């Protein structure tokens, strides 16, 4: 299969780079436009580094199908590019009988999604696998892995360039005209570009850029900061693999978990607190203009009215190191407050519909020659190469 034509890709995170890579390797003239001075500056470079196996997602959803496909493609990609990807496994731990019931539902989803090797653990088997972890039951996913996603992004960009594409930095998009003369007219940095097709993969700015292209139906992005702590090196052996809670079905966030990284460190987190700026990685990062933009979206106001109590609890917990560690101690009782130091935070681009509902699945919309990735939260990093297949295969049919 081959294609041709000028294609612009907005965003040099994992999804944008994966789309550009696939297009370039199929023969398209590809230009990636990135507003920052480097690759994977936001969500792609501020995540937990997990290669998800596909346990949680609704069978048949894009998340389920693209996560399973994406994990396989990512393993192949890392092998081809000599990048470390380690299958350290994950346990999802139930603390009580109510969570045991929800864990059983996750086991059924995992089986429906074709996740390999998943097995149920009673407390003795959990202790054998993770001696410092406690729970009434657990689900073990042996193929869940970890990787350095910044390294993956660099390798993807190298592939784009090797296939003749360009990656341009310091090029924030300020105007998109889908009906421009000679194709889509796009203003980025100080230049105007013309493309036959454009794919918007703008992450935290996805709704802003989509509106520039005339796609103002929604959803809108509400940024949630995820804060982390990190185990001090001498306590990094408290866990052998990934340790996750049973997620609350009311929220798309997975809750505080323990995450070993490929560099040997172990992170604890994240929580989920409303960020006061789209790229508000620090508590002092505040943009009144961006906050007002969020609050203008009726879905955001409805979301806050519905869930203000949960938000207040998260905010209180984020202000107390002791409370944060206590959440993780529910799974690792030997964890102490002095065992952790603060680690860098991330910001999740959570899409919210006009009715206040949190968008859980990937959402990709089409406006003439413009494709907009409107929602790509976790497991988008795992799924990035499969998301690229999904998008590009549809573009190939019309280019």
Protein backbone atom coordinates (compact mmCIF):
# COMPACT_ATOMS: atom_id res chain seq x y z
CA UNK A 1 0.00 0.00 0.00
CA UNK A 2 1.37 3.43 -0.88
CA UNK A 3 0.10 6.99 -0.93
CA UNK A 4 1.24 10.43 -1.91
CA UNK A 5 0.30 14.01 -1.12
CA UNK A 6 1.24 16.72 1.32
CA UNK A 7 0.17 15.96 4.88
CA UNK A 8 0.64 18.16 7.91
CA UNK A 9 0.67 16.62 11.38
CA UNK A 10 0.22 18.97 14.32
CA UNK A 11 1.96 17.72 17.46
CA UNK A 12 5.23 15.84 18.03
CA UNK A 13 4.01 13.63 20.82
CA UNK A 14 3.76 9.87 20.40
CA UNK A 15 0.47 9.85 18.49
CA UNK A 16 1.52 12.63 16.12
CA UNK A 17 4.91 11.08 15.46
CA UNK A 18 3.39 7.62 14.94
CA UNK A 19 0.92 9.06 12.39
CA UNK A 20 3.69 10.98 10.62
CA UNK A 21 5.95 7.92 10.57
CA UNK A 22 3.32 5.71 8.98
CA UNK A 23 2.39 8.36 6.41
CA UNK A 24 6.02 9.03 5.49
CA UNK A 25 6.78 5.34 5.12
CA UNK A 26 3.79 5.05 2.78
CA UNK A 27 5.19 7.78 0.55
CA UNK A 28 3.42 10.93 1.73
CA UNK A 29 5.22 14.28 1.94
CA UNK A 30 4.93 14.78 5.71
CA UNK A 31 5.63 17.81 7.88
CA UNK A 32 5.24 17.63 11.66
CA UNK A 33 4.60 20.99 13.35
CA UNK A 34 5.40 21.16 17.06
CA UNK A 35 4.95 24.27 19.19
CA UNK A 36 7.69 23.33 21.66
CA UNK A 37 11.45 23.05 21.13
CA UNK A 38 11.62 19.28 21.59
CA UNK A 39 9.70 16.03 21.14
CA UNK A 40 7.23 14.51 23.62
CA UNK A 41 7.27 17.60 25.83
CA UNK A 42 3.85 17.12 27.40
CA UNK A 43 1.73 13.98 27.97
CA UNK A 44 4.04 11.70 25.97
CA UNK A 45 7.02 12.65 28.12
CA UNK A 46 5.23 13.00 31.45
CA UNK A 47 3.49 9.64 31.76
CA UNK A 48 4.28 6.60 33.88
CA UNK A 49 6.11 4.68 31.13
CA UNK A 50 3.72 1.71 31.23
CA UNK A 51 2.97 -0.48 28.22
CA UNK A 52 -0.58 -1.50 29.05
CA UNK A 53 -1.89 -4.97 28.25
CA UNK A 54 -5.56 -3.97 27.82
CA UNK A 55 -7.14 -5.17 31.07
CA UNK A 56 -9.69 -2.48 31.78
CA UNK A 57 -11.23 -1.36 28.53
CA UNK A 58 -14.72 -2.02 27.26
CA UNK A 59 -14.51 -4.94 24.81
CA UNK A 60 -14.96 -3.70 21.27
CA UNK A 61 -14.03 -0.10 22.12
CA UNK A 62 -11.20 1.68 20.33
CA UNK A 63 -9.23 1.63 23.59
CA UNK A 64 -9.52 -2.15 23.82
CA UNK A 65 -8.72 -2.97 20.21
CA UNK A 66 -6.01 -0.36 19.69
CA UNK A 67 -4.32 -1.06 23.03
CA UNK A 68 -3.93 -4.76 22.25
CA UNK A 69 -2.73 -4.04 18.70
CA UNK A 70 -0.56 -1.13 19.87
CA UNK A 71 1.21 -3.15 22.55
CA UNK A 72 2.23 -5.75 19.96
CA UNK A 73 3.40 -3.09 17.50
CA UNK A 74 5.34 -1.28 20.22
CA UNK A 75 7.18 -4.47 21.18
CA UNK A 76 8.18 -4.97 17.54
CA UNK A 77 9.22 -1.32 17.25
CA UNK A 78 11.39 -1.45 20.37
CA UNK A 79 13.05 -4.68 19.21
CA UNK A 80 13.80 -3.17 15.79
CA UNK A 81 15.25 0.01 17.34
CA UNK A 82 17.14 -1.68 20.23
CA UNK A 83 15.03 0.09 22.85
CA UNK A 84 14.54 -1.49 26.26
CA UNK A 85 11.02 -2.76 26.92
CA UNK A 86 10.72 -4.90 30.03
CA UNK A 87 7.77 -7.13 30.89
CA UNK A 88 7.78 -6.76 34.67
CA UNK A 89 4.09 -7.58 35.08
CA UNK A 90 1.34 -5.89 37.02
CA UNK A 91 -0.93 -6.83 39.91
CA UNK A 92 -4.30 -5.12 40.31
CA UNK A 93 -5.06 -5.44 44.02
CA UNK A 94 -8.45 -5.59 45.75
CA UNK A 95 -8.47 -4.30 49.32
CA UNK A 96 -11.92 -5.57 50.36
CA UNK A 97 -14.81 -7.72 49.21
CA UNK A 98 -16.47 -4.90 47.26
CA UNK A 99 -13.30 -4.42 45.26
CA UNK A 100 -12.98 -8.19 44.82
CA UNK A 101 -16.28 -8.10 42.91
CA UNK A 102 -15.05 -5.26 40.66
CA UNK A 103 -11.79 -7.13 40.14
CA UNK A 104 -13.70 -10.16 38.87
CA UNK A 105 -15.37 -7.90 36.30
CA UNK A 106 -11.92 -6.69 35.18
CA UNK A 107 -10.82 -10.32 34.81
CA UNK A 108 -13.76 -10.93 32.48
CA UNK A 109 -12.90 -7.85 30.43
CA UNK A 110 -9.26 -8.92 30.20
CA UNK A 111 -10.32 -12.33 28.88
CA UNK A 112 -12.71 -10.73 26.38
CA UNK A 113 -9.91 -8.45 25.19
CA UNK A 114 -7.53 -11.36 24.70
CA UNK A 115 -4.98 -10.26 27.29
CA UNK A 116 -2.51 -13.15 27.62
CA UNK A 117 -1.54 -14.91 30.82
CA UNK A 118 -3.91 -13.13 33.20
CA UNK A 119 -4.49 -15.10 36.40
CA UNK A 120 -6.39 -14.64 39.65
CA UNK A 121 -4.34 -14.50 42.86
CA UNK A 122 -5.53 -15.20 46.38
CA UNK A 123 -3.52 -13.57 49.22
CA UNK A 124 -0.91 -16.34 49.51
CA UNK A 125 -0.17 -16.27 45.77
CA UNK A 126 -0.03 -12.46 45.82
CA UNK A 127 2.46 -12.58 48.69
CA UNK A 128 4.64 -15.02 46.75
CA UNK A 129 4.70 -12.69 43.76
CA UNK A 130 4.89 -9.40 45.71
CA UNK A 131 6.02 -10.07 49.31
CA UNK A 132 5.41 -6.49 50.48
CA UNK A 133 1.95 -6.08 48.91
CA UNK A 134 -1.27 -6.93 50.72
CA UNK A 135 -4.85 -7.44 49.53
CA UNK A 136 -7.79 -9.83 49.65
CA UNK A 137 -7.21 -10.79 46.00
CA UNK A 138 -5.32 -9.63 42.93
CA UNK A 139 -5.22 -10.01 39.18
CA UNK A 140 -1.80 -10.62 37.66
CA UNK A 141 -0.98 -9.45 34.13
CA UNK A 142 2.48 -10.83 33.34
CA UNK A 143 2.84 -9.08 29.95
CA UNK A 144 2.32 -5.53 31.21
CA UNK A 145 5.64 -3.79 30.55
CA UNK A 146 7.60 -0.57 31.00
CA UNK A 147 9.51 1.53 28.48
CA UNK A 148 11.11 4.97 28.08
CA UNK A 149 8.54 6.78 25.93
CA UNK A 150 10.83 9.73 25.27
CA UNK A 151 13.28 7.30 23.68
CA UNK A 152 10.41 5.83 21.66
CA UNK A 153 9.46 9.33 20.46
CA UNK A 154 13.04 10.05 19.38
CA UNK A 155 13.17 6.81 17.41
CA UNK A 156 9.83 7.59 15.76
CA UNK A 157 11.09 11.04 14.74
CA UNK A 158 14.25 9.48 13.31
CA UNK A 159 12.06 7.18 11.19
CA UNK A 160 10.02 10.15 9.96
CA UNK A 161 13.16 11.95 8.84
CA UNK A 162 14.67 8.80 7.32
CA UNK A 163 11.54 8.45 5.17
CA UNK A 164 11.86 12.04 3.93
CA UNK A 165 9.56 13.81 6.40
CA UNK A 166 10.28 16.94 8.42
CA UNK A 167 9.83 17.69 12.11
CA UNK A 168 9.69 21.43 12.77
CA UNK A 169 9.92 22.85 16.29
CA UNK A 170 8.85 26.24 17.68
CA UNK A 171 5.89 26.16 15.27
CA UNK A 172 2.68 26.78 17.22
CA UNK A 173 -0.42 26.59 15.05
CA UNK A 174 -2.46 29.80 15.14
CA UNK A 175 -4.80 29.39 12.14
CA UNK A 176 -6.30 26.54 10.12
CA UNK A 177 -8.39 27.04 6.98
CA UNK A 178 -9.71 23.70 5.71
CA UNK A 179 -11.01 25.39 2.54
CA UNK A 180 -7.82 27.24 1.69
CA UNK A 181 -6.75 27.71 -1.92
CA UNK A 182 -4.65 24.72 -2.93
CA UNK A 183 -5.58 22.66 0.10
CA UNK A 184 -5.63 23.22 3.86
CA UNK A 185 -3.97 26.51 4.74
CA UNK A 186 -2.24 26.35 8.10
CA UNK A 187 -0.32 29.09 9.91
CA UNK A 188 2.38 27.89 12.32
CA UNK A 189 5.16 29.96 13.79
CA UNK A 190 5.80 32.74 11.29
CA UNK A 191 4.93 30.68 8.20
CA UNK A 192 1.92 29.65 6.15
CA UNK A 193 1.82 26.05 4.96
CA UNK A 194 -0.47 24.31 2.50
CA UNK A 195 -1.36 20.65 2.78
CA UNK A 196 -3.74 18.25 1.09
CA UNK A 197 -4.64 16.74 4.47
CA UNK A 198 -3.97 17.69 8.09
CA UNK A 199 -4.01 15.49 11.19
CA UNK A 200 -4.33 17.28 14.53
CA UNK A 201 -2.65 15.45 17.44
CA UNK A 202 -2.35 18.38 19.83
CA UNK A 203 -2.96 16.67 23.19
CA UNK A 204 -3.62 19.29 25.87
CA UNK A 205 -4.38 21.81 23.12
CA UNK A 206 -6.47 19.44 20.99
CA UNK A 207 -9.78 21.27 21.41
CA UNK A 208 -8.17 24.67 20.82
CA UNK A 209 -6.56 23.57 17.56
CA UNK A 210 -9.69 21.70 16.45
CA UNK A 211 -11.74 24.86 16.94
CA UNK A 212 -9.30 26.71 14.67
CA UNK A 213 -10.27 24.19 11.98
CA UNK A 214 -13.98 24.79 12.59
CA UNK A 215 -14.59 21.68 14.70
CA UNK A 216 -16.21 23.38 17.70
CA UNK A 217 -18.79 20.75 18.64
CA UNK A 218 -16.64 19.28 21.41
CA UNK A 219 -15.54 17.64 23.55
CA UNK A 220 -13.42 20.19 25.40
CA UNK A 221 -10.23 19.50 27.32
CA UNK A 222 -10.18 19.89 31.10
CA UNK A 223 -6.59 19.51 32.37
CA UNK A 224 -5.97 17.38 35.45
CA UNK A 225 -2.54 17.41 37.06
CA UNK A 226 -1.26 14.04 38.21
CA UNK A 227 1.27 14.41 41.03
CA UNK A 228 3.87 11.79 41.89
CA UNK A 229 6.25 10.84 44.65
CA UNK A 230 9.27 8.59 44.12
CA UNK A 231 10.76 5.94 46.38
CA UNK A 232 14.24 6.74 47.63
CA UNK A 233 16.75 4.37 45.94
CA UNK A 234 17.32 2.19 48.99
CA UNK A 235 13.58 1.40 49.16
CA UNK A 236 13.02 0.75 45.45
CA UNK A 237 12.88 -2.99 46.17
CA UNK A 238 9.55 -2.66 48.01
CA UNK A 239 7.85 -3.82 44.81
CA UNK A 240 8.97 -6.15 42.03
CA UNK A 241 6.47 -5.07 39.41
CA UNK A 242 3.62 -2.65 38.88
CA UNK A 243 1.06 -2.44 41.70
CA UNK A 244 -2.33 -0.92 40.82
CA UNK A 245 -5.60 -0.42 42.70
CA UNK A 246 -8.96 -1.60 41.45
CA UNK A 247 -10.20 1.48 39.55
CA UNK A 248 -13.31 3.37 40.57
CA UNK A 249 -15.85 2.80 37.77
CA UNK A 250 -17.12 6.38 38.15
CA UNK A 251 -13.82 7.86 36.95
CA UNK A 252 -11.40 7.15 34.09
CA UNK A 253 -8.39 7.70 36.37
CA UNK A 254 -6.68 4.56 37.65
CA UNK A 255 -5.79 5.90 41.10
CA UNK A 256 -2.51 5.98 43.00
CA UNK A 257 -0.24 3.09 42.03
CA UNK A 258 3.42 2.05 42.30
CA UNK A 259 5.30 2.13 39.02
CA UNK A 260 8.87 0.90 38.51
CA UNK A 261 10.65 2.64 35.62
CA UNK A 262 13.31 1.40 33.25
CA UNK A 263 15.94 3.54 35.03
CA UNK A 264 15.35 1.60 38.27
CA UNK A 265 13.34 4.25 40.10
CA UNK A 266 9.81 3.62 41.43
CA UNK A 267 7.11 6.27 41.26
CA UNK A 268 3.97 6.49 43.39
CA UNK A 269 0.95 8.23 41.91
CA UNK A 270 -0.72 9.93 40.28
CA UNK A 271 -3.59 11.67 41.96
CA UNK A 272 -5.91 13.82 39.81
CA UNK A 273 -6.41 17.49 40.66
CA UNK A 274 -7.72 20.23 38.40
CA UNK A 275 -4.75 22.07 36.87
CA UNK A 276 -4.98 25.87 36.84
CA UNK A 277 -3.37 25.94 33.39
CA UNK A 278 -3.46 23.55 30.44
CA UNK A 279 0.21 22.85 30.97
CA UNK A 280 0.12 23.38 34.72
CA UNK A 281 2.74 20.91 35.91
CA UNK A 282 3.38 22.92 39.10
CA UNK A 283 0.87 24.21 41.62
CA UNK A 284 2.06 27.74 40.95
CA UNK A 285 1.30 27.43 37.21
CA UNK A 286 -1.86 29.51 36.82
CA UNK A 287 -3.47 30.93 33.69
CA UNK A 288 -6.65 32.88 34.35
CA UNK A 289 -7.34 32.99 30.62
CA UNK A 290 -7.12 29.21 30.28
CA UNK A 291 -9.20 28.65 33.43
CA UNK A 292 -11.88 30.95 32.01
CA UNK A 293 -11.74 29.04 28.73
CA UNK A 294 -12.36 25.77 30.60
CA UNK A 295 -15.24 27.24 32.59
CA UNK A 296 -16.94 28.54 29.45
CA UNK A 297 -17.50 24.95 28.38
CA UNK A 298 -20.89 23.90 29.83
CA UNK A 299 -19.65 20.33 30.28
CA UNK A 300 -16.88 21.50 32.61
CA UNK A 301 -19.35 23.36 34.83
CA UNK A 302 -21.62 20.30 34.98
CA UNK A 303 -18.62 18.08 35.75
CA UNK A 304 -17.55 20.26 38.68
CA UNK A 305 -21.09 20.39 40.10
CA UNK A 306 -21.41 16.61 39.92
CA UNK A 307 -18.00 15.72 41.34
CA UNK A 308 -16.91 18.63 43.55
CA UNK A 309 -16.71 16.42 46.66
CA UNK A 310 -14.33 13.95 44.99
CA UNK A 311 -12.31 16.88 43.66
CA UNK A 312 -12.05 18.40 47.13
CA UNK A 313 -10.79 15.08 48.53
CA UNK A 314 -8.14 14.84 45.82
CA UNK A 315 -7.04 18.42 46.46
CA UNK A 316 -6.74 17.85 50.22
CA UNK A 317 -4.71 14.70 49.60
CA UNK A 318 -2.40 16.49 47.17
CA UNK A 319 -1.49 19.07 49.81
CA UNK A 320 -0.37 16.43 52.31
CA UNK A 321 2.56 14.11 51.66
CA UNK A 322 1.37 11.95 54.56
CA UNK A 323 -2.11 11.54 53.03
CA UNK A 324 -0.64 10.75 49.62
CA UNK A 325 1.62 8.05 51.04
CA UNK A 326 -1.26 6.65 53.09
CA UNK A 327 -3.13 5.88 49.87
CA UNK A 328 -0.19 3.78 48.67
CA UNK A 329 0.31 2.21 52.13
CA UNK A 330 -3.09 0.55 51.72
CA UNK A 331 -1.27 -1.78 49.31
CA UNK A 332 2.29 -1.67 50.69
CA UNK A 333 1.97 -1.44 54.51
CA UNK A 334 5.74 -1.13 55.06
CA UNK A 335 5.86 2.15 53.11
CA UNK A 336 6.81 5.15 55.25
CA UNK A 337 6.55 8.87 54.58
CA UNK A 338 10.32 9.22 54.79
CA UNK A 339 10.68 6.60 52.01
CA UNK A 340 9.52 9.03 49.32
CA UNK A 341 10.53 12.30 47.69
CA UNK A 342 8.51 14.44 45.31
CA UNK A 343 8.78 13.59 41.62
CA UNK A 344 7.78 15.50 38.46
CA UNK A 345 4.06 15.77 37.74
CA UNK A 346 2.12 15.19 34.54
CA UNK A 347 -1.06 16.72 33.15
CA UNK A 348 -3.84 14.61 31.67
CA UNK A 349 -5.84 16.06 28.78
CA UNK A 350 -9.25 14.84 29.91
CA UNK A 351 -11.96 15.38 27.33
CA UNK A 352 -15.40 16.32 28.69
CA UNK A 353 -18.63 16.27 26.70
CA UNK A 354 -21.20 19.07 26.88
CA UNK A 355 -23.35 17.05 29.31
CA UNK A 356 -20.49 16.87 31.82
CA UNK A 357 -19.56 13.25 31.14
CA UNK A 358 -15.90 12.26 31.02
CA UNK A 359 -15.00 10.90 27.59
CA UNK A 360 -13.48 7.49 28.21
CA UNK A 361 -12.74 6.14 24.73
CA UNK A 362 -10.43 7.56 22.09
CA UNK A 363 -12.30 10.08 19.97
CA UNK A 364 -11.27 11.02 16.46
CA UNK A 365 -13.35 13.39 14.34
CA UNK A 366 -13.28 14.36 10.68
CA UNK A 367 -13.88 17.82 9.22
CA UNK A 368 -13.31 17.58 5.49
CA UNK A 369 -9.57 17.24 4.91
CA UNK A 370 -8.80 17.69 8.64
CA UNK A 371 -8.64 14.76 11.06
CA UNK A 372 -8.72 15.77 14.73
CA UNK A 373 -7.70 13.48 17.58
CA UNK A 374 -10.03 14.95 20.21
CA UNK A 375 -9.37 12.51 23.06
CA UNK A 376 -6.29 10.32 23.47
CA UNK A 377 -5.59 9.67 27.17
CA UNK A 378 -4.01 6.51 28.55
CA UNK A 379 -3.41 4.03 26.97
CA UNK A 380 -2.63 6.31 24.00
CA UNK A 381 1.13 5.93 24.48
CA UNK A 382 0.82 2.14 24.34
CA UNK A 383 -1.65 2.42 21.46
CA UNK A 384 0.13 5.12 19.44
CA UNK A 385 1.31 2.92 16.56
CA UNK A 386 -2.13 1.30 16.31
CA UNK A 387 -3.86 4.69 16.47
CA UNK A 388 -1.63 5.68 13.56
CA UNK A 389 -2.76 2.61 11.61
CA UNK A 390 -6.39 3.43 12.38
CA UNK A 391 -6.08 7.04 11.20
CA UNK A 392 -3.78 6.53 8.24
CA UNK A 393 -5.63 3.57 6.78
CA UNK A 394 -8.73 5.78 6.58
CA UNK A 395 -6.73 8.61 4.99
CA UNK A 396 -5.19 6.30 2.39
CA UNK A 397 -8.67 5.48 1.13
CA UNK A 398 -9.35 9.11 0.25
CA UNK A 399 -5.93 10.57 -0.70
